[in-house]
């Protein structure tokens, strides 16, 4: 299993024409995003307190599920 933070994973999705790609762009531009975390609740709490414009949290949920699958392969 890989050992990467969610931030490291989401950066691999930058440039995609998808909701996760858009989320990746928002996160890449957010200097305060918890870059070393792999904890769903910590990241979800951060995004709830610091929402990105026109970005539903459901996109984060999907991205986090993809992240967990990516770690396993």
Protein backbone atom coordinates (compact mmCIF):
# COMPACT_ATOMS: atom_id res chain seq x y z
CA UNK A 1 0.00 0.00 0.00
CA UNK A 2 1.22 3.49 -0.86
CA UNK A 3 1.89 6.05 1.84
CA UNK A 4 0.82 9.45 0.47
CA UNK A 5 -1.29 12.25 1.85
CA UNK A 6 -4.58 13.18 0.22
CA UNK A 7 -2.93 16.38 -1.02
CA UNK A 8 -0.23 14.39 -2.83
CA UNK A 9 -2.91 12.28 -4.48
CA UNK A 10 -5.22 15.13 -5.48
CA UNK A 11 -2.35 16.93 -7.19
CA UNK A 12 -2.14 13.99 -9.60
CA UNK A 13 -5.70 14.85 -10.69
CA UNK A 14 -4.96 18.47 -11.65
CA UNK A 15 -5.83 19.38 -15.20
CA UNK A 16 -8.63 16.84 -15.51
CA UNK A 17 -11.88 18.07 -17.01
CA UNK A 18 -13.90 16.62 -14.13
CA UNK A 19 -15.27 17.67 -10.75
CA UNK A 20 -12.26 16.05 -9.07
CA UNK A 21 -9.94 17.95 -11.40
CA UNK A 22 -11.65 21.19 -10.42
CA UNK A 23 -11.35 20.26 -6.74
CA UNK A 24 -7.65 19.58 -7.31
CA UNK A 25 -7.21 23.07 -8.77
CA UNK A 26 -8.94 24.65 -5.76
CA UNK A 27 -6.81 22.65 -3.32
CA UNK A 28 -3.58 23.45 -5.18
CA UNK A 29 -4.36 27.15 -4.83
CA UNK A 30 -5.20 26.90 -1.11
CA UNK A 31 -2.09 27.67 0.94
CA UNK A 32 -3.83 26.63 4.18
CA UNK A 33 -5.03 23.19 3.01
CA UNK A 34 -3.73 20.45 5.38
CA UNK A 35 -1.14 19.04 2.99
CA UNK A 36 0.10 16.19 5.16
CA UNK A 37 -3.22 14.73 6.27
CA UNK A 38 -4.75 11.46 5.19
CA UNK A 39 -7.63 11.70 7.68
CA UNK A 40 -11.09 11.93 6.12
CA UNK A 41 -12.68 13.75 9.05
CA UNK A 42 -9.90 16.30 9.42
CA UNK A 43 -10.01 17.15 5.71
CA UNK A 44 -13.80 17.16 5.58
CA UNK A 45 -13.94 19.51 8.57
CA UNK A 46 -11.44 21.84 6.89
CA UNK A 47 -13.47 21.92 3.68
CA UNK A 48 -16.71 22.52 5.58
CA UNK A 49 -15.16 25.49 7.38
CA UNK A 50 -13.41 26.77 4.23
CA UNK A 51 -15.70 25.92 1.30
CA UNK A 52 -14.62 26.48 -2.29
CA UNK A 53 -17.02 28.42 -4.48
CA UNK A 54 -19.35 26.19 -6.53
CA UNK A 55 -17.75 23.03 -5.11
CA UNK A 56 -20.12 20.64 -3.29
CA UNK A 57 -18.59 18.44 -0.61
CA UNK A 58 -19.86 15.40 -2.48
CA UNK A 59 -16.93 15.92 -4.88
CA UNK A 60 -14.55 15.62 -1.93
CA UNK A 61 -16.29 12.41 -0.84
CA UNK A 62 -15.81 10.91 -4.30
CA UNK A 63 -12.21 12.09 -4.46
CA UNK A 64 -11.43 10.62 -1.04
CA UNK A 65 -12.88 7.27 -2.05
CA UNK A 66 -10.73 7.36 -5.21
CA UNK A 67 -7.73 8.26 -3.05
CA UNK A 68 -8.25 5.22 -0.79
CA UNK A 69 -8.50 2.96 -3.87
CA UNK A 70 -5.39 4.58 -5.37
CA UNK A 71 -3.42 3.89 -2.20
CA UNK A 72 -4.20 0.19 -2.49
CA UNK A 73 -3.00 -0.17 -6.10
